[in-house]
mmCIF file of all heavy atoms, coordinates in Angstrom:
data_MODEL
# 
_entry.id   MODEL 
# 
loop_
_atom_site.group_PDB 
_atom_site.id 
_atom_site.type_symbol 
_atom_site.label_atom_id 
_atom_site.label_alt_id 
_atom_site.label_comp_id 
_atom_site.label_asym_id 
_atom_site.label_entity_id 
_atom_site.label_seq_id 
_atom_site.pdbx_PDB_ins_code 
_atom_site.Cartn_x 
_atom_site.Cartn_y 
_atom_site.Cartn_z 
_atom_site.occupancy 
_atom_site.B_iso_or_equiv 
_atom_site.pdbx_formal_charge 
_atom_site.auth_seq_id 
_atom_site.auth_comp_id 
_atom_site.auth_asym_id 
_atom_site.auth_atom_id 
_atom_site.pdbx_PDB_model_num 
ATOM 1   N N   . LEU A 1 1  ? 112.277 115.368 106.448 1.00 0.00 ? 1  LEU A N   1 
ATOM 2   C CA  . LEU A 1 1  ? 112.051 116.103 105.155 1.00 0.00 ? 1  LEU A CA  1 
ATOM 3   C C   . LEU A 1 1  ? 112.907 117.368 105.185 1.00 0.00 ? 1  LEU A C   1 
ATOM 4   O O   . LEU A 1 1  ? 113.011 117.995 106.290 1.00 0.00 ? 1  LEU A O   1 
ATOM 5   C CB  . LEU A 1 1  ? 110.591 116.356 104.983 1.00 0.00 ? 1  LEU A CB  1 
ATOM 6   C CG  . LEU A 1 1  ? 109.784 115.133 104.815 1.00 0.00 ? 1  LEU A CG  1 
ATOM 7   C CD1 . LEU A 1 1  ? 108.286 115.498 104.608 1.00 0.00 ? 1  LEU A CD1 1 
ATOM 8   C CD2 . LEU A 1 1  ? 110.168 114.162 103.760 1.00 0.00 ? 1  LEU A CD2 1 
ATOM 9   N N   . ALA A 1 2  ? 113.419 117.688 104.046 1.00 0.00 ? 2  ALA A N   1 
ATOM 10  C CA  . ALA A 1 2  ? 114.406 118.712 104.040 1.00 0.00 ? 2  ALA A CA  1 
ATOM 11  C C   . ALA A 1 2  ? 113.890 120.223 104.427 1.00 0.00 ? 2  ALA A C   1 
ATOM 12  O O   . ALA A 1 2  ? 114.501 120.876 105.143 1.00 0.00 ? 2  ALA A O   1 
ATOM 13  C CB  . ALA A 1 2  ? 114.991 118.860 102.635 1.00 0.00 ? 2  ALA A CB  1 
ATOM 14  N N   . SER A 1 3  ? 112.593 120.497 103.969 1.00 0.00 ? 3  SER A N   1 
ATOM 15  C CA  . SER A 1 3  ? 112.105 121.810 104.188 1.00 0.00 ? 3  SER A CA  1 
ATOM 16  C C   . SER A 1 3  ? 110.666 121.805 104.023 1.00 0.00 ? 3  SER A C   1 
ATOM 17  O O   . SER A 1 3  ? 110.024 120.754 103.286 1.00 0.00 ? 3  SER A O   1 
ATOM 18  C CB  . SER A 1 3  ? 112.707 122.938 103.258 1.00 0.00 ? 3  SER A CB  1 
ATOM 19  O OG  . SER A 1 3  ? 112.392 122.527 101.918 1.00 0.00 ? 3  SER A OG  1 
ATOM 20  N N   . PRO A 1 4  ? 109.911 122.741 104.371 1.00 0.00 ? 4  PRO A N   1 
ATOM 21  C CA  . PRO A 1 4  ? 108.489 122.806 104.133 1.00 0.00 ? 4  PRO A CA  1 
ATOM 22  C C   . PRO A 1 4  ? 108.279 122.906 102.576 1.00 0.00 ? 4  PRO A C   1 
ATOM 23  O O   . PRO A 1 4  ? 107.319 122.199 102.123 1.00 0.00 ? 4  PRO A O   1 
ATOM 24  C CB  . PRO A 1 4  ? 108.036 124.219 104.660 1.00 0.00 ? 4  PRO A CB  1 
ATOM 25  C CG  . PRO A 1 4  ? 108.999 124.440 105.737 1.00 0.00 ? 4  PRO A CG  1 
ATOM 26  C CD  . PRO A 1 4  ? 110.243 123.925 105.322 1.00 0.00 ? 4  PRO A CD  1 
ATOM 27  N N   . GLU A 1 5  ? 109.064 123.584 101.823 1.00 0.00 ? 5  GLU A N   1 
ATOM 28  C CA  . GLU A 1 5  ? 108.881 123.569 100.354 1.00 0.00 ? 5  GLU A CA  1 
ATOM 29  C C   . GLU A 1 5  ? 108.976 122.087 99.819  1.00 0.00 ? 5  GLU A C   1 
ATOM 30  O O   . GLU A 1 5  ? 108.181 121.668 98.924  1.00 0.00 ? 5  GLU A O   1 
ATOM 31  C CB  . GLU A 1 5  ? 109.898 124.499 99.647  1.00 0.00 ? 5  GLU A CB  1 
ATOM 32  C CG  . GLU A 1 5  ? 109.707 125.891 99.854  1.00 0.00 ? 5  GLU A CG  1 
ATOM 33  C CD  . GLU A 1 5  ? 110.502 126.412 101.228 1.00 0.00 ? 5  GLU A CD  1 
ATOM 34  O OE1 . GLU A 1 5  ? 110.875 125.474 102.008 1.00 0.00 ? 5  GLU A OE1 1 
ATOM 35  O OE2 . GLU A 1 5  ? 110.626 127.654 101.445 1.00 0.00 ? 5  GLU A OE2 1 
ATOM 36  N N   . SER A 1 6  ? 110.082 121.428 100.262 1.00 0.00 ? 6  SER A N   1 
ATOM 37  C CA  . SER A 1 6  ? 110.290 120.030 99.813  1.00 0.00 ? 6  SER A CA  1 
ATOM 38  C C   . SER A 1 6  ? 109.168 119.201 100.211 1.00 0.00 ? 6  SER A C   1 
ATOM 39  O O   . SER A 1 6  ? 108.711 118.306 99.522  1.00 0.00 ? 6  SER A O   1 
ATOM 40  C CB  . SER A 1 6  ? 111.575 119.600 100.368 1.00 0.00 ? 6  SER A CB  1 
ATOM 41  O OG  . SER A 1 6  ? 111.838 118.207 100.047 1.00 0.00 ? 6  SER A OG  1 
ATOM 42  N N   . ALA A 1 7  ? 108.530 119.383 101.340 1.00 0.00 ? 7  ALA A N   1 
ATOM 43  C CA  . ALA A 1 7  ? 107.440 118.505 101.880 1.00 0.00 ? 7  ALA A CA  1 
ATOM 44  C C   . ALA A 1 7  ? 106.290 118.564 101.069 1.00 0.00 ? 7  ALA A C   1 
ATOM 45  O O   . ALA A 1 7  ? 105.656 117.646 100.589 1.00 0.00 ? 7  ALA A O   1 
ATOM 46  C CB  . ALA A 1 7  ? 107.190 118.823 103.379 1.00 0.00 ? 7  ALA A CB  1 
ATOM 47  N N   . ILE A 1 8  ? 105.877 119.842 100.767 1.00 0.00 ? 8  ILE A N   1 
ATOM 48  C CA  . ILE A 1 8  ? 104.674 120.118 100.031 1.00 0.00 ? 8  ILE A CA  1 
ATOM 49  C C   . ILE A 1 8  ? 104.889 119.684 98.579  1.00 0.00 ? 8  ILE A C   1 
ATOM 50  O O   . ILE A 1 8  ? 103.871 119.034 97.991  1.00 0.00 ? 8  ILE A O   1 
ATOM 51  C CB  . ILE A 1 8  ? 104.169 121.670 100.095 1.00 0.00 ? 8  ILE A CB  1 
ATOM 52  C CG1 . ILE A 1 8  ? 102.765 121.737 99.588  1.00 0.00 ? 8  ILE A CG1 1 
ATOM 53  C CG2 . ILE A 1 8  ? 105.109 122.460 99.226  1.00 0.00 ? 8  ILE A CG2 1 
ATOM 54  C CD1 . ILE A 1 8  ? 101.720 121.122 100.607 1.00 0.00 ? 8  ILE A CD1 1 
ATOM 55  N N   . LEU A 1 9  ? 106.028 119.959 97.977  1.00 0.00 ? 9  LEU A N   1 
ATOM 56  C CA  . LEU A 1 9  ? 106.254 119.624 96.619  1.00 0.00 ? 9  LEU A CA  1 
ATOM 57  C C   . LEU A 1 9  ? 106.305 118.002 96.429  1.00 0.00 ? 9  LEU A C   1 
ATOM 58  O O   . LEU A 1 9  ? 105.848 117.456 95.461  1.00 0.00 ? 9  LEU A O   1 
ATOM 59  C CB  . LEU A 1 9  ? 107.553 120.209 96.133  1.00 0.00 ? 9  LEU A CB  1 
ATOM 60  C CG  . LEU A 1 9  ? 107.838 119.939 94.639  1.00 0.00 ? 9  LEU A CG  1 
ATOM 61  C CD1 . LEU A 1 9  ? 106.711 120.457 93.662  1.00 0.00 ? 9  LEU A CD1 1 
ATOM 62  C CD2 . LEU A 1 9  ? 109.085 120.698 94.194  1.00 0.00 ? 9  LEU A CD2 1 
ATOM 63  N N   . SER A 1 10 ? 106.923 117.352 97.414  1.00 0.00 ? 10 SER A N   1 
ATOM 64  C CA  . SER A 1 10 ? 107.049 115.965 97.420  1.00 0.00 ? 10 SER A CA  1 
ATOM 65  C C   . SER A 1 10 ? 105.698 115.316 97.514  1.00 0.00 ? 10 SER A C   1 
ATOM 66  O O   . SER A 1 10 ? 105.291 114.319 96.844  1.00 0.00 ? 10 SER A O   1 
ATOM 67  C CB  . SER A 1 10 ? 107.893 115.409 98.493  1.00 0.00 ? 10 SER A CB  1 
ATOM 68  O OG  . SER A 1 10 ? 109.228 116.028 98.352  1.00 0.00 ? 10 SER A OG  1 
ATOM 69  N N   . ALA A 1 11 ? 104.785 115.910 98.476  1.00 0.00 ? 11 ALA A N   1 
ATOM 70  C CA  . ALA A 1 11 ? 103.416 115.363 98.475  1.00 0.00 ? 11 ALA A CA  1 
ATOM 71  C C   . ALA A 1 11 ? 102.689 115.555 97.239  1.00 0.00 ? 11 ALA A C   1 
ATOM 72  O O   . ALA A 1 11 ? 101.891 114.571 96.871  1.00 0.00 ? 11 ALA A O   1 
ATOM 73  C CB  . ALA A 1 11 ? 102.795 116.026 99.651  1.00 0.00 ? 11 ALA A CB  1 
ATOM 74  N N   . VAL A 1 12 ? 102.778 116.697 96.573  1.00 0.00 ? 12 VAL A N   1 
ATOM 75  C CA  . VAL A 1 12 ? 102.075 116.866 95.317  1.00 0.00 ? 12 VAL A CA  1 
ATOM 76  C C   . VAL A 1 12 ? 102.483 115.860 94.325  1.00 0.00 ? 12 VAL A C   1 
ATOM 77  O O   . VAL A 1 12 ? 101.641 115.202 93.557  1.00 0.00 ? 12 VAL A O   1 
ATOM 78  C CB  . VAL A 1 12 ? 102.140 118.363 94.897  1.00 0.00 ? 12 VAL A CB  1 
ATOM 79  C CG1 . VAL A 1 12 ? 101.625 118.473 93.415  1.00 0.00 ? 12 VAL A CG1 1 
ATOM 80  C CG2 . VAL A 1 12 ? 101.524 119.309 95.828  1.00 0.00 ? 12 VAL A CG2 1 
ATOM 81  N N   . ILE A 1 13 ? 103.759 115.614 94.149  1.00 0.00 ? 13 ILE A N   1 
ATOM 82  C CA  . ILE A 1 13 ? 104.340 114.724 93.133  1.00 0.00 ? 13 ILE A CA  1 
ATOM 83  C C   . ILE A 1 13 ? 103.868 113.282 93.540  1.00 0.00 ? 13 ILE A C   1 
ATOM 84  O O   . ILE A 1 13 ? 103.366 112.521 92.645  1.00 0.00 ? 13 ILE A O   1 
ATOM 85  C CB  . ILE A 1 13 ? 105.923 114.750 93.152  1.00 0.00 ? 13 ILE A CB  1 
ATOM 86  C CG1 . ILE A 1 13 ? 106.273 116.146 92.562  1.00 0.00 ? 13 ILE A CG1 1 
ATOM 87  C CG2 . ILE A 1 13 ? 106.379 113.592 92.217  1.00 0.00 ? 13 ILE A CG2 1 
ATOM 88  C CD1 . ILE A 1 13 ? 107.803 116.298 92.651  1.00 0.00 ? 13 ILE A CD1 1 
ATOM 89  N N   . PHE A 1 14 ? 103.965 113.052 94.833  1.00 0.00 ? 14 PHE A N   1 
ATOM 90  C CA  . PHE A 1 14 ? 103.486 111.606 95.293  1.00 0.00 ? 14 PHE A CA  1 
ATOM 91  C C   . PHE A 1 14 ? 102.062 111.533 95.009  1.00 0.00 ? 14 PHE A C   1 
ATOM 92  O O   . PHE A 1 14 ? 101.679 110.354 94.522  1.00 0.00 ? 14 PHE A O   1 
ATOM 93  C CB  . PHE A 1 14 ? 103.760 111.424 96.612  1.00 0.00 ? 14 PHE A CB  1 
ATOM 94  C CG  . PHE A 1 14 ? 103.222 110.100 97.283  1.00 0.00 ? 14 PHE A CG  1 
ATOM 95  C CD1 . PHE A 1 14 ? 103.895 108.927 97.011  1.00 0.00 ? 14 PHE A CD1 1 
ATOM 96  C CD2 . PHE A 1 14 ? 102.049 110.105 97.902  1.00 0.00 ? 14 PHE A CD2 1 
ATOM 97  C CE1 . PHE A 1 14 ? 103.325 107.805 97.532  1.00 0.00 ? 14 PHE A CE1 1 
ATOM 98  C CE2 . PHE A 1 14 ? 101.443 108.813 98.352  1.00 0.00 ? 14 PHE A CE2 1 
ATOM 99  C CZ  . PHE A 1 14 ? 102.213 107.736 98.219  1.00 0.00 ? 14 PHE A CZ  1 
ATOM 100 N N   . ASN A 1 15 ? 101.321 112.554 95.187  1.00 0.00 ? 15 ASN A N   1 
ATOM 101 C CA  . ASN A 1 15 ? 99.754  112.451 94.938  1.00 0.00 ? 15 ASN A CA  1 
ATOM 102 C C   . ASN A 1 15 ? 99.554  112.127 93.560  1.00 0.00 ? 15 ASN A C   1 
ATOM 103 O O   . ASN A 1 15 ? 98.435  111.331 93.289  1.00 0.00 ? 15 ASN A O   1 
ATOM 104 C CB  . ASN A 1 15 ? 99.177  113.765 95.310  1.00 0.00 ? 15 ASN A CB  1 
ATOM 105 C CG  . ASN A 1 15 ? 97.667  113.596 95.576  1.00 0.00 ? 15 ASN A CG  1 
ATOM 106 O OD1 . ASN A 1 15 ? 97.296  112.884 96.320  1.00 0.00 ? 15 ASN A OD1 1 
ATOM 107 N ND2 . ASN A 1 15 ? 96.869  114.247 94.683  1.00 0.00 ? 15 ASN A ND2 1 
ATOM 108 N N   . ALA A 1 16 ? 100.143 112.632 92.653  1.00 0.00 ? 16 ALA A N   1 
ATOM 109 C CA  . ALA A 1 16 ? 100.095 112.331 91.184  1.00 0.00 ? 16 ALA A CA  1 
ATOM 110 C C   . ALA A 1 16 ? 100.614 110.965 90.872  1.00 0.00 ? 16 ALA A C   1 
ATOM 111 O O   . ALA A 1 16 ? 99.874  110.227 90.029  1.00 0.00 ? 16 ALA A O   1 
ATOM 112 C CB  . ALA A 1 16 ? 100.771 113.354 90.409  1.00 0.00 ? 16 ALA A CB  1 
ATOM 113 N N   . LEU A 1 17 ? 101.712 110.645 91.350  1.00 0.00 ? 17 LEU A N   1 
ATOM 114 C CA  . LEU A 1 17 ? 102.359 109.272 91.001  1.00 0.00 ? 17 LEU A CA  1 
ATOM 115 C C   . LEU A 1 17 ? 101.582 108.114 91.499  1.00 0.00 ? 17 LEU A C   1 
ATOM 116 O O   . LEU A 1 17 ? 101.465 107.079 90.954  1.00 0.00 ? 17 LEU A O   1 
ATOM 117 C CB  . LEU A 1 17 ? 103.839 109.199 91.488  1.00 0.00 ? 17 LEU A CB  1 
ATOM 118 C CG  . LEU A 1 17 ? 104.698 110.085 90.803  1.00 0.00 ? 17 LEU A CG  1 
ATOM 119 C CD1 . LEU A 1 17 ? 106.072 109.994 91.439  1.00 0.00 ? 17 LEU A CD1 1 
ATOM 120 C CD2 . LEU A 1 17 ? 104.741 109.900 89.278  1.00 0.00 ? 17 LEU A CD2 1 
ATOM 121 N N   . ILE A 1 18 ? 100.924 108.278 92.736  1.00 0.00 ? 18 ILE A N   1 
ATOM 122 C CA  . ILE A 1 18 ? 100.282 107.102 93.369  1.00 0.00 ? 18 ILE A CA  1 
ATOM 123 C C   . ILE A 1 18 ? 98.999  106.732 92.630  1.00 0.00 ? 18 ILE A C   1 
ATOM 124 O O   . ILE A 1 18 ? 98.587  105.538 92.415  1.00 0.00 ? 18 ILE A O   1 
ATOM 125 C CB  . ILE A 1 18 ? 99.895  107.393 94.785  1.00 0.00 ? 18 ILE A CB  1 
ATOM 126 C CG1 . ILE A 1 18 ? 99.502  106.150 95.621  1.00 0.00 ? 18 ILE A CG1 1 
ATOM 127 C CG2 . ILE A 1 18 ? 98.754  108.461 94.931  1.00 0.00 ? 18 ILE A CG2 1 
ATOM 128 C CD1 . ILE A 1 18 ? 100.511 105.125 95.530  1.00 0.00 ? 18 ILE A CD1 1 
ATOM 129 N N   . ILE A 1 19 ? 98.371  107.747 91.966  1.00 0.00 ? 19 ILE A N   1 
ATOM 130 C CA  . ILE A 1 19 ? 97.262  107.543 90.932  1.00 0.00 ? 19 ILE A CA  1 
ATOM 131 C C   . ILE A 1 19 ? 97.635  106.706 89.820  1.00 0.00 ? 19 ILE A C   1 
ATOM 132 O O   . ILE A 1 19 ? 97.022  105.664 89.467  1.00 0.00 ? 19 ILE A O   1 
ATOM 133 C CB  . ILE A 1 19 ? 96.471  108.776 90.622  1.00 0.00 ? 19 ILE A CB  1 
ATOM 134 C CG1 . ILE A 1 19 ? 96.000  109.546 91.881  1.00 0.00 ? 19 ILE A CG1 1 
ATOM 135 C CG2 . ILE A 1 19 ? 95.518  108.548 89.572  1.00 0.00 ? 19 ILE A CG2 1 
ATOM 136 C CD1 . ILE A 1 19 ? 95.333  110.939 91.519  1.00 0.00 ? 19 ILE A CD1 1 
ATOM 137 N N   . VAL A 1 20 ? 98.833  107.012 89.296  1.00 0.00 ? 20 VAL A N   1 
ATOM 138 C CA  . VAL A 1 20 ? 99.253  106.334 88.090  1.00 0.00 ? 20 VAL A CA  1 
ATOM 139 C C   . VAL A 1 20 ? 99.632  104.879 88.500  1.00 0.00 ? 20 VAL A C   1 
ATOM 140 O O   . VAL A 1 20 ? 99.393  103.920 87.770  1.00 0.00 ? 20 VAL A O   1 
ATOM 141 C CB  . VAL A 1 20 ? 100.499 107.114 87.515  1.00 0.00 ? 20 VAL A CB  1 
ATOM 142 C CG1 . VAL A 1 20 ? 101.155 106.265 86.306  1.00 0.00 ? 20 VAL A CG1 1 
ATOM 143 C CG2 . VAL A 1 20 ? 100.107 108.486 86.942  1.00 0.00 ? 20 VAL A CG2 1 
ATOM 144 N N   . ALA A 1 21 ? 100.313 104.807 89.617  1.00 0.00 ? 21 ALA A N   1 
ATOM 145 C CA  . ALA A 1 21 ? 100.743 103.486 90.230  1.00 0.00 ? 21 ALA A CA  1 
ATOM 146 C C   . ALA A 1 21 ? 99.580  102.460 90.427  1.00 0.00 ? 21 ALA A C   1 
ATOM 147 O O   . ALA A 1 21 ? 99.697  101.356 90.224  1.00 0.00 ? 21 ALA A O   1 
ATOM 148 C CB  . ALA A 1 21 ? 101.598 103.672 91.321  1.00 0.00 ? 21 ALA A CB  1 
ATOM 149 N N   . LEU A 1 22 ? 98.376  103.161 90.845  1.00 0.00 ? 22 LEU A N   1 
ATOM 150 C CA  . LEU A 1 22 ? 97.315  102.182 91.168  1.00 0.00 ? 22 LEU A CA  1 
ATOM 151 C C   . LEU A 1 22 ? 96.384  101.868 90.007  1.00 0.00 ? 22 LEU A C   1 
ATOM 152 O O   . LEU A 1 22 ? 95.442  101.115 90.111  1.00 0.00 ? 22 LEU A O   1 
ATOM 153 C CB  . LEU A 1 22 ? 96.482  102.977 92.282  1.00 0.00 ? 22 LEU A CB  1 
ATOM 154 C CG  . LEU A 1 22 ? 97.088  102.992 93.699  1.00 0.00 ? 22 LEU A CG  1 
ATOM 155 C CD1 . LEU A 1 22 ? 96.310  103.736 94.686  1.00 0.00 ? 22 LEU A CD1 1 
ATOM 156 C CD2 . LEU A 1 22 ? 97.341  101.637 94.136  1.00 0.00 ? 22 LEU A CD2 1 
ATOM 157 N N   . VAL A 1 23 ? 96.561  102.584 88.874  1.00 0.00 ? 23 VAL A N   1 
ATOM 158 C CA  . VAL A 1 23 ? 95.739  102.333 87.744  1.00 0.00 ? 23 VAL A CA  1 
ATOM 159 C C   . VAL A 1 23 ? 95.737  100.836 87.264  1.00 0.00 ? 23 VAL A C   1 
ATOM 160 O O   . VAL A 1 23 ? 94.777  100.300 86.983  1.00 0.00 ? 23 VAL A O   1 
ATOM 161 C CB  . VAL A 1 23 ? 96.144  103.259 86.518  1.00 0.00 ? 23 VAL A CB  1 
ATOM 162 C CG1 . VAL A 1 23 ? 95.433  102.757 85.264  1.00 0.00 ? 23 VAL A CG1 1 
ATOM 163 C CG2 . VAL A 1 23 ? 95.662  104.660 86.867  1.00 0.00 ? 23 VAL A CG2 1 
ATOM 164 N N   . PRO A 1 24 ? 97.027  100.153 87.197  1.00 0.00 ? 24 PRO A N   1 
ATOM 165 C CA  . PRO A 1 24 ? 96.905  98.792  86.908  1.00 0.00 ? 24 PRO A CA  1 
ATOM 166 C C   . PRO A 1 24 ? 96.007  97.935  87.738  1.00 0.00 ? 24 PRO A C   1 
ATOM 167 O O   . PRO A 1 24 ? 95.234  97.013  87.252  1.00 0.00 ? 24 PRO A O   1 
ATOM 168 C CB  . PRO A 1 24 ? 98.403  98.328  86.907  1.00 0.00 ? 24 PRO A CB  1 
ATOM 169 C CG  . PRO A 1 24 ? 99.221  99.677  86.721  1.00 0.00 ? 24 PRO A CG  1 
ATOM 170 C CD  . PRO A 1 24 ? 98.291  100.638 87.339  1.00 0.00 ? 24 PRO A CD  1 
ATOM 171 N N   . LEU A 1 25 ? 96.039  98.247  89.019  1.00 0.00 ? 25 LEU A N   1 
ATOM 172 C CA  . LEU A 1 25 ? 95.204  97.390  90.008  1.00 0.00 ? 25 LEU A CA  1 
ATOM 173 C C   . LEU A 1 25 ? 93.795  97.699  89.783  1.00 0.00 ? 25 LEU A C   1 
ATOM 174 O O   . LEU A 1 25 ? 92.871  96.844  89.820  1.00 0.00 ? 25 LEU A O   1 
ATOM 175 C CB  . LEU A 1 25 ? 95.575  97.794  91.374  1.00 0.00 ? 25 LEU A CB  1 
ATOM 176 C CG  . LEU A 1 25 ? 94.667  97.148  92.516  1.00 0.00 ? 25 LEU A CG  1 
ATOM 177 C CD1 . LEU A 1 25 ? 94.876  95.619  92.421  1.00 0.00 ? 25 LEU A CD1 1 
ATOM 178 C CD2 . LEU A 1 25 ? 95.117  97.674  93.896  1.00 0.00 ? 25 LEU A CD2 1 
ATOM 179 N N   . ALA A 1 26 ? 93.416  99.013  89.435  1.00 0.00 ? 26 ALA A N   1 
ATOM 180 C CA  . ALA A 1 26 ? 92.068  99.325  89.205  1.00 0.00 ? 26 ALA A CA  1 
ATOM 181 C C   . ALA A 1 26 ? 91.537  98.687  87.960  1.00 0.00 ? 26 ALA A C   1 
ATOM 182 O O   . ALA A 1 26 ? 90.423  98.329  87.813  1.00 0.00 ? 26 ALA A O   1 
ATOM 183 C CB  . ALA A 1 26 ? 91.968  100.777 89.049  1.00 0.00 ? 26 ALA A CB  1 
ATOM 184 N N   . LEU A 1 27 ? 92.448  98.567  86.981  1.00 0.00 ? 27 LEU A N   1 
ATOM 185 C CA  . LEU A 1 27 ? 92.169  97.903  85.616  1.00 0.00 ? 27 LEU A CA  1 
ATOM 186 C C   . LEU A 1 27 ? 92.021  96.384  85.861  1.00 0.00 ? 27 LEU A C   1 
ATOM 187 O O   . LEU A 1 27 ? 91.009  95.721  85.308  1.00 0.00 ? 27 LEU A O   1 
ATOM 188 C CB  . LEU A 1 27 ? 93.058  98.244  84.468  1.00 0.00 ? 27 LEU A CB  1 
ATOM 189 C CG  . LEU A 1 27 ? 93.088  99.677  84.124  1.00 0.00 ? 27 LEU A CG  1 
ATOM 190 C CD1 . LEU A 1 27 ? 94.237  99.943  83.077  1.00 0.00 ? 27 LEU A CD1 1 
ATOM 191 C CD2 . LEU A 1 27 ? 91.832  100.111 83.572  1.00 0.00 ? 27 LEU A CD2 1 
ATOM 192 N N   . ARG A 1 28 ? 92.815  95.750  86.507  1.00 0.00 ? 28 ARG A N   1 
ATOM 193 C CA  . ARG A 1 28 ? 92.911  94.240  86.717  1.00 0.00 ? 28 ARG A CA  1 
ATOM 194 C C   . ARG A 1 28 ? 91.788  93.952  87.721  1.00 0.00 ? 28 ARG A C   1 
ATOM 195 O O   . ARG A 1 28 ? 91.161  92.824  87.476  1.00 0.00 ? 28 ARG A O   1 
ATOM 196 C CB  . ARG A 1 28 ? 94.238  93.931  87.242  1.00 0.00 ? 28 ARG A CB  1 
ATOM 197 C CG  . ARG A 1 28 ? 94.434  92.419  87.393  1.00 0.00 ? 28 ARG A CG  1 
ATOM 198 C CD  . ARG A 1 28 ? 95.821  92.020  87.857  1.00 0.00 ? 28 ARG A CD  1 
ATOM 199 N NE  . ARG A 1 28 ? 96.141  92.481  89.113  1.00 0.00 ? 28 ARG A NE  1 
ATOM 200 C CZ  . ARG A 1 28 ? 96.930  93.488  89.402  1.00 0.00 ? 28 ARG A CZ  1 
ATOM 201 N NH1 . ARG A 1 28 ? 97.601  94.136  88.427  1.00 0.00 ? 28 ARG A NH1 1 
ATOM 202 N NH2 . ARG A 1 28 ? 97.195  93.870  90.628  1.00 0.00 ? 28 ARG A NH2 1 
ATOM 203 N N   . GLY A 1 29 ? 91.673  94.723  88.708  1.00 0.00 ? 29 GLY A N   1 
ATOM 204 C CA  . GLY A 1 29 ? 90.569  94.356  89.703  1.00 0.00 ? 29 GLY A CA  1 
ATOM 205 C C   . GLY A 1 29 ? 90.997  93.395  90.735  1.00 0.00 ? 29 GLY A C   1 
ATOM 206 O O   . GLY A 1 29 ? 91.986  92.668  90.590  1.00 0.00 ? 29 GLY A O   1 
ATOM 207 N N   . VAL A 1 30 ? 90.380  93.622  91.979  1.00 0.00 ? 30 VAL A N   1 
ATOM 208 C CA  . VAL A 1 30 ? 90.769  92.677  93.119  1.00 0.00 ? 30 VAL A CA  1 
ATOM 209 C C   . VAL A 1 30 ? 89.896  91.447  92.900  1.00 0.00 ? 30 VAL A C   1 
ATOM 210 O O   . VAL A 1 30 ? 88.728  91.425  92.567  1.00 0.00 ? 30 VAL A O   1 
ATOM 211 C CB  . VAL A 1 30 ? 90.396  93.370  94.361  1.00 0.00 ? 30 VAL A CB  1 
ATOM 212 C CG1 . VAL A 1 30 ? 90.545  92.374  95.627  1.00 0.00 ? 30 VAL A CG1 1 
ATOM 213 C CG2 . VAL A 1 30 ? 91.211  94.586  94.516  1.00 0.00 ? 30 VAL A CG2 1 
ATOM 214 N N   . ARG A 1 31 ? 90.507  90.242  93.011  1.00 0.00 ? 31 ARG A N   1 
ATOM 215 C CA  . ARG A 1 31 ? 89.851  88.994  92.724  1.00 0.00 ? 31 ARG A CA  1 
ATOM 216 C C   . ARG A 1 31 ? 88.609  88.773  93.607  1.00 0.00 ? 31 ARG A C   1 
ATOM 217 O O   . ARG A 1 31 ? 88.699  89.099  94.819  1.00 0.00 ? 31 ARG A O   1 
ATOM 218 C CB  . ARG A 1 31 ? 90.786  87.786  92.916  1.00 0.00 ? 31 ARG A CB  1 
ATOM 219 C CG  . ARG A 1 31 ? 90.180  86.509  92.467  1.00 0.00 ? 31 ARG A CG  1 
ATOM 220 C CD  . ARG A 1 31 ? 91.312  85.396  92.550  1.00 0.00 ? 31 ARG A CD  1 
ATOM 221 N NE  . ARG A 1 31 ? 91.819  85.199  93.822  1.00 0.00 ? 31 ARG A NE  1 
ATOM 222 C CZ  . ARG A 1 31 ? 91.415  84.153  94.606  1.00 0.00 ? 31 ARG A CZ  1 
ATOM 223 N NH1 . ARG A 1 31 ? 90.366  83.388  94.170  1.00 0.00 ? 31 ARG A NH1 1 
ATOM 224 N NH2 . ARG A 1 31 ? 91.892  84.060  95.794  1.00 0.00 ? 31 ARG A NH2 1 
# 
């Protein structure tokens, strides 16, 4: 990772995006 700033900012962005990415699975449900 490029720098501490990049690491923390990337983690925050990923933390938000992963929730959005998992919403379809949450709505569809595991069989």
